[in-house]
ModelCIF file with pLDDT and N, C-alpha, C, O atoms, coordinates in Angstrom:
data_MODEL
#
_entry.id   MODEL 
#
_entity.id                         1 
_entity.type                       polymer 
_entity.pdbx_number_of_molecules   1 
#
_entity_poly.entity_id                      1 
_entity_poly.type                           'polypeptide(L)' 
_entity_poly.nstd_linkage                   no 
_entity_poly.nstd_monomer                   no 
_entity_poly.pdbx_seq_one_letter_code       
;(UNK)(UNK)(UNK)(UNK)(UNK)(UNK)(UNK)(UNK)(UNK)(UNK)(UNK)(UNK)(UNK)(UNK)(UNK)(UNK)
(UNK)(UNK)(UNK)(UNK)(UNK)(UNK)(UNK)(UNK)(UNK)(UNK)(UNK)(UNK)(UNK)(UNK)(UNK)(UNK)
(UNK)(UNK)(UNK)(UNK)(UNK)(UNK)(UNK)(UNK)(UNK)(UNK)(UNK)(UNK)(UNK)(UNK)
;
_entity_poly.pdbx_seq_one_letter_code_can   XXXXXXXXXXXXXXXXXXXXXXXXXXXXXXXXXXXXXXXXXXXXXX 
_entity_poly.pdbx_strand_id                 A 
#
loop_
_entity_poly_seq.entity_id 
_entity_poly_seq.num 
_entity_poly_seq.mon_id 
_entity_poly_seq.hetero 
1 1  UNK n 
1 2  UNK n 
1 3  UNK n 
1 4  UNK n 
1 5  UNK n 
1 6  UNK n 
1 7  UNK n 
1 8  UNK n 
1 9  UNK n 
1 10 UNK n 
1 11 UNK n 
1 12 UNK n 
1 13 UNK n 
1 14 UNK n 
1 15 UNK n 
1 16 UNK n 
1 17 UNK n 
1 18 UNK n 
1 19 UNK n 
1 20 UNK n 
1 21 UNK n 
1 22 UNK n 
1 23 UNK n 
1 24 UNK n 
1 25 UNK n 
1 26 UNK n 
1 27 UNK n 
1 28 UNK n 
1 29 UNK n 
1 30 UNK n 
1 31 UNK n 
1 32 UNK n 
1 33 UNK n 
1 34 UNK n 
1 35 UNK n 
1 36 UNK n 
1 37 UNK n 
1 38 UNK n 
1 39 UNK n 
1 40 UNK n 
1 41 UNK n 
1 42 UNK n 
1 43 UNK n 
1 44 UNK n 
1 45 UNK n 
1 46 UNK n 
#
_struct_asym.id          A 
_struct_asym.entity_id   1 
#
loop_
_ma_qa_metric.id 
_ma_qa_metric.mode 
_ma_qa_metric.name 
_ma_qa_metric.software_group_id 
_ma_qa_metric.type 
1 global pLDDT . pLDDT 
2 local  pLDDT . pLDDT 
#
_ma_qa_metric_global.metric_id      1 
_ma_qa_metric_global.metric_value   96.67 
_ma_qa_metric_global.model_id       1 
_ma_qa_metric_global.ordinal_id     1 
#
loop_
_ma_qa_metric_local.label_asym_id 
_ma_qa_metric_local.label_comp_id 
_ma_qa_metric_local.label_seq_id 
_ma_qa_metric_local.metric_id 
_ma_qa_metric_local.metric_value 
_ma_qa_metric_local.model_id 
_ma_qa_metric_local.ordinal_id 
A UNK 1  2 86.00 1 1  
A UNK 2  2 94.00 1 2  
A UNK 3  2 94.00 1 3  
A UNK 4  2 95.00 1 4  
A UNK 5  2 95.00 1 5  
A UNK 6  2 97.00 1 6  
A UNK 7  2 97.00 1 7  
A UNK 8  2 96.00 1 8  
A UNK 9  2 97.00 1 9  
A UNK 10 2 97.00 1 10 
A UNK 11 2 97.00 1 11 
A UNK 12 2 98.00 1 12 
A UNK 13 2 98.00 1 13 
A UNK 14 2 98.00 1 14 
A UNK 15 2 98.00 1 15 
A UNK 16 2 98.00 1 16 
A UNK 17 2 98.00 1 17 
A UNK 18 2 98.00 1 18 
A UNK 19 2 98.00 1 19 
A UNK 20 2 98.00 1 20 
A UNK 21 2 98.00 1 21 
A UNK 22 2 97.00 1 22 
A UNK 23 2 97.00 1 23 
A UNK 24 2 97.00 1 24 
A UNK 25 2 97.00 1 25 
A UNK 26 2 97.00 1 26 
A UNK 27 2 98.00 1 27 
A UNK 28 2 98.00 1 28 
A UNK 29 2 98.00 1 29 
A UNK 30 2 98.00 1 30 
A UNK 31 2 98.00 1 31 
A UNK 32 2 98.00 1 32 
A UNK 33 2 98.00 1 33 
A UNK 34 2 97.00 1 34 
A UNK 35 2 97.00 1 35 
A UNK 36 2 97.00 1 36 
A UNK 37 2 97.00 1 37 
A UNK 38 2 97.00 1 38 
A UNK 39 2 97.00 1 39 
A UNK 40 2 96.00 1 40 
A UNK 41 2 96.00 1 41 
A UNK 42 2 96.00 1 42 
A UNK 43 2 97.00 1 43 
A UNK 44 2 95.00 1 44 
A UNK 45 2 95.00 1 45 
A UNK 46 2 94.00 1 46 
#
loop_
_atom_site.group_PDB 
_atom_site.id 
_atom_site.type_symbol 
_atom_site.label_atom_id 
_atom_site.label_alt_id 
_atom_site.label_comp_id 
_atom_site.label_asym_id 
_atom_site.label_entity_id 
_atom_site.label_seq_id 
_atom_site.pdbx_PDB_ins_code 
_atom_site.Cartn_x 
_atom_site.Cartn_y 
_atom_site.Cartn_z 
_atom_site.occupancy 
_atom_site.B_iso_or_equiv 
_atom_site.pdbx_formal_charge 
_atom_site.auth_seq_id 
_atom_site.auth_comp_id 
_atom_site.auth_asym_id 
_atom_site.auth_atom_id 
_atom_site.pdbx_PDB_model_num 
ATOM 1   N N  . UNK A 1 1  ? 1.386   -1.347 -0.260  1.00 86.00 ? 1  UNK A N  1 
ATOM 2   C CA . UNK A 1 1  ? 0.328   -0.241 0.062   1.00 86.00 ? 1  UNK A CA 1 
ATOM 3   C C  . UNK A 1 1  ? 1.141   0.800  0.177   1.00 86.00 ? 1  UNK A C  1 
ATOM 4   O O  . UNK A 1 1  ? 2.077   0.941  0.964   1.00 86.00 ? 1  UNK A O  1 
ATOM 5   N N  . UNK A 1 2  ? 0.408   2.147  -1.342  1.00 94.00 ? 2  UNK A N  1 
ATOM 6   C CA . UNK A 1 2  ? 0.958   3.439  -0.796  1.00 94.00 ? 2  UNK A CA 1 
ATOM 7   C C  . UNK A 1 2  ? 0.947   4.312  0.050   1.00 94.00 ? 2  UNK A C  1 
ATOM 8   O O  . UNK A 1 2  ? 0.155   4.039  0.952   1.00 94.00 ? 2  UNK A O  1 
ATOM 9   N N  . UNK A 1 3  ? 1.758   5.777  0.255   1.00 94.00 ? 3  UNK A N  1 
ATOM 10  C CA . UNK A 1 3  ? 1.588   6.418  1.355   1.00 94.00 ? 3  UNK A CA 1 
ATOM 11  C C  . UNK A 1 3  ? 0.809   7.342  0.507   1.00 94.00 ? 3  UNK A C  1 
ATOM 12  O O  . UNK A 1 3  ? 1.085   8.058  -0.455  1.00 94.00 ? 3  UNK A O  1 
ATOM 13  N N  . UNK A 1 4  ? -0.543  7.017  1.366   1.00 95.00 ? 4  UNK A N  1 
ATOM 14  C CA . UNK A 1 4  ? -1.499  8.055  0.519   1.00 95.00 ? 4  UNK A CA 1 
ATOM 15  C C  . UNK A 1 4  ? -0.704  9.784  0.326   1.00 95.00 ? 4  UNK A C  1 
ATOM 16  O O  . UNK A 1 4  ? -1.406  10.440 -0.443  1.00 95.00 ? 4  UNK A O  1 
ATOM 17  N N  . UNK A 1 5  ? 0.171   10.361 0.684   1.00 95.00 ? 5  UNK A N  1 
ATOM 18  C CA . UNK A 1 5  ? 1.060   11.574 0.891   1.00 95.00 ? 5  UNK A CA 1 
ATOM 19  C C  . UNK A 1 5  ? 1.356   11.813 -0.667  1.00 95.00 ? 5  UNK A C  1 
ATOM 20  O O  . UNK A 1 5  ? 1.092   12.675 -1.505  1.00 95.00 ? 5  UNK A O  1 
ATOM 21  N N  . UNK A 1 6  ? 2.178   10.352 -0.598  1.00 97.00 ? 6  UNK A N  1 
ATOM 22  C CA . UNK A 1 6  ? 2.877   9.987  -2.038  1.00 97.00 ? 6  UNK A CA 1 
ATOM 23  C C  . UNK A 1 6  ? 1.640   10.628 -3.466  1.00 97.00 ? 6  UNK A C  1 
ATOM 24  O O  . UNK A 1 6  ? 1.929   11.361 -4.412  1.00 97.00 ? 6  UNK A O  1 
ATOM 25  N N  . UNK A 1 7  ? 0.340   10.039 -3.135  1.00 97.00 ? 7  UNK A N  1 
ATOM 26  C CA . UNK A 1 7  ? -0.132  9.782  -4.349  1.00 97.00 ? 7  UNK A CA 1 
ATOM 27  C C  . UNK A 1 7  ? -0.837  11.289 -4.240  1.00 97.00 ? 7  UNK A C  1 
ATOM 28  O O  . UNK A 1 7  ? -1.157  11.801 -5.313  1.00 97.00 ? 7  UNK A O  1 
ATOM 29  N N  . UNK A 1 8  ? -1.024  11.820 -3.365  1.00 96.00 ? 8  UNK A N  1 
ATOM 30  C CA . UNK A 1 8  ? -1.203  13.390 -3.567  1.00 96.00 ? 8  UNK A CA 1 
ATOM 31  C C  . UNK A 1 8  ? -0.822  13.947 -4.586  1.00 96.00 ? 8  UNK A C  1 
ATOM 32  O O  . UNK A 1 8  ? -1.382  14.362 -5.601  1.00 96.00 ? 8  UNK A O  1 
ATOM 33  N N  . UNK A 1 9  ? 0.985   13.896 -3.928  1.00 97.00 ? 9  UNK A N  1 
ATOM 34  C CA . UNK A 1 9  ? 1.730   14.780 -4.291  1.00 97.00 ? 9  UNK A CA 1 
ATOM 35  C C  . UNK A 1 9  ? 1.974   13.816 -5.947  1.00 97.00 ? 9  UNK A C  1 
ATOM 36  O O  . UNK A 1 9  ? 1.909   14.440 -7.005  1.00 97.00 ? 9  UNK A O  1 
ATOM 37  N N  . UNK A 1 10 ? 2.196   12.566 -5.937  1.00 97.00 ? 10 UNK A N  1 
ATOM 38  C CA . UNK A 1 10 ? 2.445   12.587 -7.227  1.00 97.00 ? 10 UNK A CA 1 
ATOM 39  C C  . UNK A 1 10 ? 1.655   11.405 -8.237  1.00 97.00 ? 10 UNK A C  1 
ATOM 40  O O  . UNK A 1 10 ? 1.999   10.344 -8.759  1.00 97.00 ? 10 UNK A O  1 
ATOM 41  N N  . UNK A 1 11 ? 0.219   12.352 -8.182  1.00 97.00 ? 11 UNK A N  1 
ATOM 42  C CA . UNK A 1 11 ? -0.497  11.371 -9.453  1.00 97.00 ? 11 UNK A CA 1 
ATOM 43  C C  . UNK A 1 11 ? -0.791  11.172 -10.624 1.00 97.00 ? 11 UNK A C  1 
ATOM 44  O O  . UNK A 1 11 ? -1.908  10.717 -10.870 1.00 97.00 ? 11 UNK A O  1 
ATOM 45  N N  . UNK A 1 12 ? -0.107  11.384 -11.412 1.00 98.00 ? 12 UNK A N  1 
ATOM 46  C CA . UNK A 1 12 ? 0.682   11.306 -12.301 1.00 98.00 ? 12 UNK A CA 1 
ATOM 47  C C  . UNK A 1 12 ? 2.235   9.775  -12.551 1.00 98.00 ? 12 UNK A C  1 
ATOM 48  O O  . UNK A 1 12 ? 2.540   8.993  -13.452 1.00 98.00 ? 12 UNK A O  1 
ATOM 49  N N  . UNK A 1 13 ? 2.559   9.972  -11.689 1.00 98.00 ? 13 UNK A N  1 
ATOM 50  C CA . UNK A 1 13 ? 3.565   8.903  -11.667 1.00 98.00 ? 13 UNK A CA 1 
ATOM 51  C C  . UNK A 1 13 ? 2.407   7.545  -11.291 1.00 98.00 ? 13 UNK A C  1 
ATOM 52  O O  . UNK A 1 13 ? 2.136   6.596  -12.027 1.00 98.00 ? 13 UNK A O  1 
ATOM 53  N N  . UNK A 1 14 ? 1.959   7.789  -10.142 1.00 98.00 ? 14 UNK A N  1 
ATOM 54  C CA . UNK A 1 14 ? 0.887   6.827  -10.037 1.00 98.00 ? 14 UNK A CA 1 
ATOM 55  C C  . UNK A 1 14 ? 0.027   5.989  -11.268 1.00 98.00 ? 14 UNK A C  1 
ATOM 56  O O  . UNK A 1 14 ? -0.423  4.860  -11.462 1.00 98.00 ? 14 UNK A O  1 
ATOM 57  N N  . UNK A 1 15 ? 0.097   7.126  -11.865 1.00 98.00 ? 15 UNK A N  1 
ATOM 58  C CA . UNK A 1 15 ? -1.186  6.598  -12.921 1.00 98.00 ? 15 UNK A CA 1 
ATOM 59  C C  . UNK A 1 15 ? -0.052  5.557  -13.715 1.00 98.00 ? 15 UNK A C  1 
ATOM 60  O O  . UNK A 1 15 ? -0.176  4.488  -14.313 1.00 98.00 ? 15 UNK A O  1 
ATOM 61  N N  . UNK A 1 16 ? 1.213   6.528  -13.365 1.00 98.00 ? 16 UNK A N  1 
ATOM 62  C CA . UNK A 1 16 ? 1.520   5.746  -15.290 1.00 98.00 ? 16 UNK A CA 1 
ATOM 63  C C  . UNK A 1 16 ? 2.495   4.593  -14.578 1.00 98.00 ? 16 UNK A C  1 
ATOM 64  O O  . UNK A 1 16 ? 3.296   4.054  -15.342 1.00 98.00 ? 16 UNK A O  1 
ATOM 65  N N  . UNK A 1 17 ? 2.500   4.243  -13.427 1.00 98.00 ? 17 UNK A N  1 
ATOM 66  C CA . UNK A 1 17 ? 2.809   3.282  -13.073 1.00 98.00 ? 17 UNK A CA 1 
ATOM 67  C C  . UNK A 1 17 ? 1.559   1.986  -12.913 1.00 98.00 ? 17 UNK A C  1 
ATOM 68  O O  . UNK A 1 17 ? 1.706   0.764  -12.904 1.00 98.00 ? 17 UNK A O  1 
ATOM 69  N N  . UNK A 1 18 ? 0.572   2.655  -12.821 1.00 98.00 ? 18 UNK A N  1 
ATOM 70  C CA . UNK A 1 18 ? -0.119  1.155  -12.565 1.00 98.00 ? 18 UNK A CA 1 
ATOM 71  C C  . UNK A 1 18 ? -0.668  0.940  -14.652 1.00 98.00 ? 18 UNK A C  1 
ATOM 72  O O  . UNK A 1 18 ? -0.949  -0.138 -15.173 1.00 98.00 ? 18 UNK A O  1 
ATOM 73  N N  . UNK A 1 19 ? -0.653  2.339  -15.382 1.00 98.00 ? 19 UNK A N  1 
ATOM 74  C CA . UNK A 1 19 ? -0.390  1.810  -16.874 1.00 98.00 ? 19 UNK A CA 1 
ATOM 75  C C  . UNK A 1 19 ? 0.815   0.717  -17.460 1.00 98.00 ? 19 UNK A C  1 
ATOM 76  O O  . UNK A 1 19 ? 0.721   -0.207 -18.268 1.00 98.00 ? 19 UNK A O  1 
ATOM 77  N N  . UNK A 1 20 ? 1.662   1.102  -16.896 1.00 98.00 ? 20 UNK A N  1 
ATOM 78  C CA . UNK A 1 20 ? 3.106   0.243  -17.058 1.00 98.00 ? 20 UNK A CA 1 
ATOM 79  C C  . UNK A 1 20 ? 2.789   -1.415 -16.508 1.00 98.00 ? 20 UNK A C  1 
ATOM 80  O O  . UNK A 1 20 ? 2.949   -2.451 -17.152 1.00 98.00 ? 20 UNK A O  1 
ATOM 81  N N  . UNK A 1 21 ? 2.328   -1.260 -15.204 1.00 98.00 ? 21 UNK A N  1 
ATOM 82  C CA . UNK A 1 21 ? 2.234   -3.050 -14.982 1.00 98.00 ? 21 UNK A CA 1 
ATOM 83  C C  . UNK A 1 21 ? -0.089  -3.923 -15.873 1.00 98.00 ? 21 UNK A C  1 
ATOM 84  O O  . UNK A 1 21 ? -0.872  -4.825 -15.576 1.00 98.00 ? 21 UNK A O  1 
ATOM 85  N N  . UNK A 1 22 ? 0.022   -2.503 -17.185 1.00 97.00 ? 22 UNK A N  1 
ATOM 86  C CA . UNK A 1 22 ? -0.731  -2.705 -17.573 1.00 97.00 ? 22 UNK A CA 1 
ATOM 87  C C  . UNK A 1 22 ? -2.657  -3.379 -16.988 1.00 97.00 ? 22 UNK A C  1 
ATOM 88  O O  . UNK A 1 22 ? -3.208  -4.465 -17.172 1.00 97.00 ? 22 UNK A O  1 
ATOM 89  N N  . UNK A 1 23 ? -3.046  -2.316 -16.397 1.00 97.00 ? 23 UNK A N  1 
ATOM 90  C CA . UNK A 1 23 ? -3.729  -2.490 -15.785 1.00 97.00 ? 23 UNK A CA 1 
ATOM 91  C C  . UNK A 1 23 ? -4.971  -0.843 -15.417 1.00 97.00 ? 23 UNK A C  1 
ATOM 92  O O  . UNK A 1 23 ? -5.380  -0.353 -14.364 1.00 97.00 ? 23 UNK A O  1 
ATOM 93  N N  . UNK A 1 24 ? -5.180  -0.481 -16.863 1.00 97.00 ? 24 UNK A N  1 
ATOM 94  C CA . UNK A 1 24 ? -5.604  0.738  -16.651 1.00 97.00 ? 24 UNK A CA 1 
ATOM 95  C C  . UNK A 1 24 ? -6.452  0.944  -15.951 1.00 97.00 ? 24 UNK A C  1 
ATOM 96  O O  . UNK A 1 24 ? -6.410  1.971  -15.274 1.00 97.00 ? 24 UNK A O  1 
ATOM 97  N N  . UNK A 1 25 ? -8.079  -0.388 -15.790 1.00 97.00 ? 25 UNK A N  1 
ATOM 98  C CA . UNK A 1 25 ? -9.299  -0.364 -15.309 1.00 97.00 ? 25 UNK A CA 1 
ATOM 99  C C  . UNK A 1 25 ? -9.402  -0.321 -13.633 1.00 97.00 ? 25 UNK A C  1 
ATOM 100 O O  . UNK A 1 25 ? -10.397 -0.668 -12.997 1.00 97.00 ? 25 UNK A O  1 
ATOM 101 N N  . UNK A 1 26 ? -7.735  0.348  -12.877 1.00 97.00 ? 26 UNK A N  1 
ATOM 102 C CA . UNK A 1 26 ? -7.390  1.205  -11.875 1.00 97.00 ? 26 UNK A CA 1 
ATOM 103 C C  . UNK A 1 26 ? -7.081  2.627  -11.846 1.00 97.00 ? 26 UNK A C  1 
ATOM 104 O O  . UNK A 1 26 ? -6.730  3.260  -10.851 1.00 97.00 ? 26 UNK A O  1 
ATOM 105 N N  . UNK A 1 27 ? -7.261  3.121  -13.153 1.00 98.00 ? 27 UNK A N  1 
ATOM 106 C CA . UNK A 1 27 ? -7.268  4.359  -13.071 1.00 98.00 ? 27 UNK A CA 1 
ATOM 107 C C  . UNK A 1 27 ? -7.932  5.146  -12.243 1.00 98.00 ? 27 UNK A C  1 
ATOM 108 O O  . UNK A 1 27 ? -7.415  5.884  -11.405 1.00 98.00 ? 27 UNK A O  1 
ATOM 109 N N  . UNK A 1 28 ? -8.992  5.021  -12.437 1.00 98.00 ? 28 UNK A N  1 
ATOM 110 C CA . UNK A 1 28 ? -10.057 6.182  -11.961 1.00 98.00 ? 28 UNK A CA 1 
ATOM 111 C C  . UNK A 1 28 ? -9.878  6.050  -10.519 1.00 98.00 ? 28 UNK A C  1 
ATOM 112 O O  . UNK A 1 28 ? -10.484 6.913  -9.884  1.00 98.00 ? 28 UNK A O  1 
ATOM 113 N N  . UNK A 1 29 ? -9.055  5.007  -9.656  1.00 98.00 ? 29 UNK A N  1 
ATOM 114 C CA . UNK A 1 29 ? -9.085  4.847  -8.570  1.00 98.00 ? 29 UNK A CA 1 
ATOM 115 C C  . UNK A 1 29 ? -8.374  6.252  -7.829  1.00 98.00 ? 29 UNK A C  1 
ATOM 116 O O  . UNK A 1 29 ? -8.870  6.962  -6.954  1.00 98.00 ? 29 UNK A O  1 
ATOM 117 N N  . UNK A 1 30 ? -6.844  6.398  -8.604  1.00 98.00 ? 30 UNK A N  1 
ATOM 118 C CA . UNK A 1 30 ? -5.940  7.553  -8.492  1.00 98.00 ? 30 UNK A CA 1 
ATOM 119 C C  . UNK A 1 30 ? -6.697  8.974  -8.031  1.00 98.00 ? 30 UNK A C  1 
ATOM 120 O O  . UNK A 1 30 ? -6.374  9.499  -6.965  1.00 98.00 ? 30 UNK A O  1 
ATOM 121 N N  . UNK A 1 31 ? -7.616  9.505  -8.802  1.00 98.00 ? 31 UNK A N  1 
ATOM 122 C CA . UNK A 1 31 ? -8.393  10.539 -8.737  1.00 98.00 ? 31 UNK A CA 1 
ATOM 123 C C  . UNK A 1 31 ? -9.163  10.181 -7.692  1.00 98.00 ? 31 UNK A C  1 
ATOM 124 O O  . UNK A 1 31 ? -8.722  10.625 -6.632  1.00 98.00 ? 31 UNK A O  1 
ATOM 125 N N  . UNK A 1 32 ? -10.522 9.304  -7.555  1.00 98.00 ? 32 UNK A N  1 
ATOM 126 C CA . UNK A 1 32 ? -11.134 9.139  -6.063  1.00 98.00 ? 32 UNK A CA 1 
ATOM 127 C C  . UNK A 1 32 ? -10.369 9.175  -4.841  1.00 98.00 ? 32 UNK A C  1 
ATOM 128 O O  . UNK A 1 32 ? -10.620 9.905  -3.883  1.00 98.00 ? 32 UNK A O  1 
ATOM 129 N N  . UNK A 1 33 ? -9.154  8.112  -4.951  1.00 98.00 ? 33 UNK A N  1 
ATOM 130 C CA . UNK A 1 33 ? -8.519  8.562  -3.959  1.00 98.00 ? 33 UNK A CA 1 
ATOM 131 C C  . UNK A 1 33 ? -8.062  9.685  -3.654  1.00 98.00 ? 33 UNK A C  1 
ATOM 132 O O  . UNK A 1 33 ? -8.061  9.790  -2.428  1.00 98.00 ? 33 UNK A O  1 
ATOM 133 N N  . UNK A 1 34 ? -7.690  10.539 -4.128  1.00 97.00 ? 34 UNK A N  1 
ATOM 134 C CA . UNK A 1 34 ? -7.352  12.319 -3.583  1.00 97.00 ? 34 UNK A CA 1 
ATOM 135 C C  . UNK A 1 34 ? -8.513  12.975 -4.101  1.00 97.00 ? 34 UNK A C  1 
ATOM 136 O O  . UNK A 1 34 ? -8.222  14.169 -4.176  1.00 97.00 ? 34 UNK A O  1 
ATOM 137 N N  . UNK A 1 35 ? -9.827  12.762 -4.544  1.00 97.00 ? 35 UNK A N  1 
ATOM 138 C CA . UNK A 1 35 ? -11.015 13.573 -3.955  1.00 97.00 ? 35 UNK A CA 1 
ATOM 139 C C  . UNK A 1 35 ? -11.119 13.383 -2.344  1.00 97.00 ? 35 UNK A C  1 
ATOM 140 O O  . UNK A 1 35 ? -11.293 14.292 -1.532  1.00 97.00 ? 35 UNK A O  1 
ATOM 141 N N  . UNK A 1 36 ? -10.947 11.760 -2.017  1.00 97.00 ? 36 UNK A N  1 
ATOM 142 C CA . UNK A 1 36 ? -12.024 11.447 -0.910  1.00 97.00 ? 36 UNK A CA 1 
ATOM 143 C C  . UNK A 1 36 ? -10.813 11.901 0.351   1.00 97.00 ? 36 UNK A C  1 
ATOM 144 O O  . UNK A 1 36 ? -11.068 11.856 1.554   1.00 97.00 ? 36 UNK A O  1 
ATOM 145 N N  . UNK A 1 37 ? -9.365  12.370 -0.278  1.00 97.00 ? 37 UNK A N  1 
ATOM 146 C CA . UNK A 1 37 ? -8.740  12.174 0.982   1.00 97.00 ? 37 UNK A CA 1 
ATOM 147 C C  . UNK A 1 37 ? -8.874  13.591 1.045   1.00 97.00 ? 37 UNK A C  1 
ATOM 148 O O  . UNK A 1 37 ? -8.560  13.927 2.186   1.00 97.00 ? 37 UNK A O  1 
ATOM 149 N N  . UNK A 1 38 ? -9.152  14.455 0.446   1.00 97.00 ? 38 UNK A N  1 
ATOM 150 C CA . UNK A 1 38 ? -9.182  15.974 0.440   1.00 97.00 ? 38 UNK A CA 1 
ATOM 151 C C  . UNK A 1 38 ? -10.376 16.474 0.807   1.00 97.00 ? 38 UNK A C  1 
ATOM 152 O O  . UNK A 1 38 ? -10.409 17.688 1.005   1.00 97.00 ? 38 UNK A O  1 
ATOM 153 N N  . UNK A 1 39 ? -11.900 15.518 1.026   1.00 97.00 ? 39 UNK A N  1 
ATOM 154 C CA . UNK A 1 39 ? -12.946 15.455 1.984   1.00 97.00 ? 39 UNK A CA 1 
ATOM 155 C C  . UNK A 1 39 ? -12.300 15.299 2.852   1.00 97.00 ? 39 UNK A C  1 
ATOM 156 O O  . UNK A 1 39 ? -11.826 16.369 3.234   1.00 97.00 ? 39 UNK A O  1 
ATOM 157 N N  . UNK A 1 40 ? -11.967 14.382 3.481   1.00 96.00 ? 40 UNK A N  1 
ATOM 158 C CA . UNK A 1 40 ? -11.172 13.311 4.367   1.00 96.00 ? 40 UNK A CA 1 
ATOM 159 C C  . UNK A 1 40 ? -10.216 14.496 5.344   1.00 96.00 ? 40 UNK A C  1 
ATOM 160 O O  . UNK A 1 40 ? -9.892  14.256 6.508   1.00 96.00 ? 40 UNK A O  1 
ATOM 161 N N  . UNK A 1 41 ? -9.930  15.525 4.761   1.00 96.00 ? 41 UNK A N  1 
ATOM 162 C CA . UNK A 1 41 ? -8.727  16.309 5.331   1.00 96.00 ? 41 UNK A CA 1 
ATOM 163 C C  . UNK A 1 41 ? -9.695  17.489 5.724   1.00 96.00 ? 41 UNK A C  1 
ATOM 164 O O  . UNK A 1 41 ? -9.429  18.088 6.766   1.00 96.00 ? 41 UNK A O  1 
ATOM 165 N N  . UNK A 1 42 ? -10.415 17.745 5.242   1.00 96.00 ? 42 UNK A N  1 
ATOM 166 C CA . UNK A 1 42 ? -11.802 18.733 5.307   1.00 96.00 ? 42 UNK A CA 1 
ATOM 167 C C  . UNK A 1 42 ? -12.599 18.739 6.199   1.00 96.00 ? 42 UNK A C  1 
ATOM 168 O O  . UNK A 1 42 ? -13.198 19.772 6.497   1.00 96.00 ? 42 UNK A O  1 
ATOM 169 N N  . UNK A 1 43 ? -12.800 17.520 6.866   1.00 97.00 ? 43 UNK A N  1 
ATOM 170 C CA . UNK A 1 43 ? -13.856 16.650 7.766   1.00 97.00 ? 43 UNK A CA 1 
ATOM 171 C C  . UNK A 1 43 ? -12.537 17.064 9.052   1.00 97.00 ? 43 UNK A C  1 
ATOM 172 O O  . UNK A 1 43 ? -13.109 17.564 10.020  1.00 97.00 ? 43 UNK A O  1 
ATOM 173 N N  . UNK A 1 44 ? -11.313 16.996 9.232   1.00 95.00 ? 44 UNK A N  1 
ATOM 174 C CA . UNK A 1 44 ? -11.173 16.879 10.139  1.00 95.00 ? 44 UNK A CA 1 
ATOM 175 C C  . UNK A 1 44 ? -10.507 18.091 10.945  1.00 95.00 ? 44 UNK A C  1 
ATOM 176 O O  . UNK A 1 44 ? -10.100 18.249 12.096  1.00 95.00 ? 44 UNK A O  1 
ATOM 177 N N  . UNK A 1 45 ? -10.602 18.950 9.664   1.00 95.00 ? 45 UNK A N  1 
ATOM 178 C CA . UNK A 1 45 ? -10.063 20.404 10.441  1.00 95.00 ? 45 UNK A CA 1 
ATOM 179 C C  . UNK A 1 45 ? -11.173 21.178 10.768  1.00 95.00 ? 45 UNK A C  1 
ATOM 180 O O  . UNK A 1 45 ? -11.173 22.072 11.613  1.00 95.00 ? 45 UNK A O  1 
ATOM 181 N N  . UNK A 1 46 ? -12.289 20.762 9.968   1.00 94.00 ? 46 UNK A N  1 
ATOM 182 C CA . UNK A 1 46 ? -13.481 20.921 10.549  1.00 94.00 ? 46 UNK A CA 1 
ATOM 183 C C  . UNK A 1 46 ? -14.257 20.371 12.037  1.00 94.00 ? 46 UNK A C  1 
ATOM 184 O O  . UNK A 1 46 ? -15.414 20.707 12.291  1.00 94.00 ? 46 UNK A O  1 
#
């Protein structure tokens, strides 16, 4: 499992790694994780 901060800071690296493994069906997961992470941080702040 990757560090969430790494995914947040390097989304294109994570996506390219997925492509390199020929798992393109997992590409939407990166944006979903980033969106959920942003939501989670806002919750924590509130």
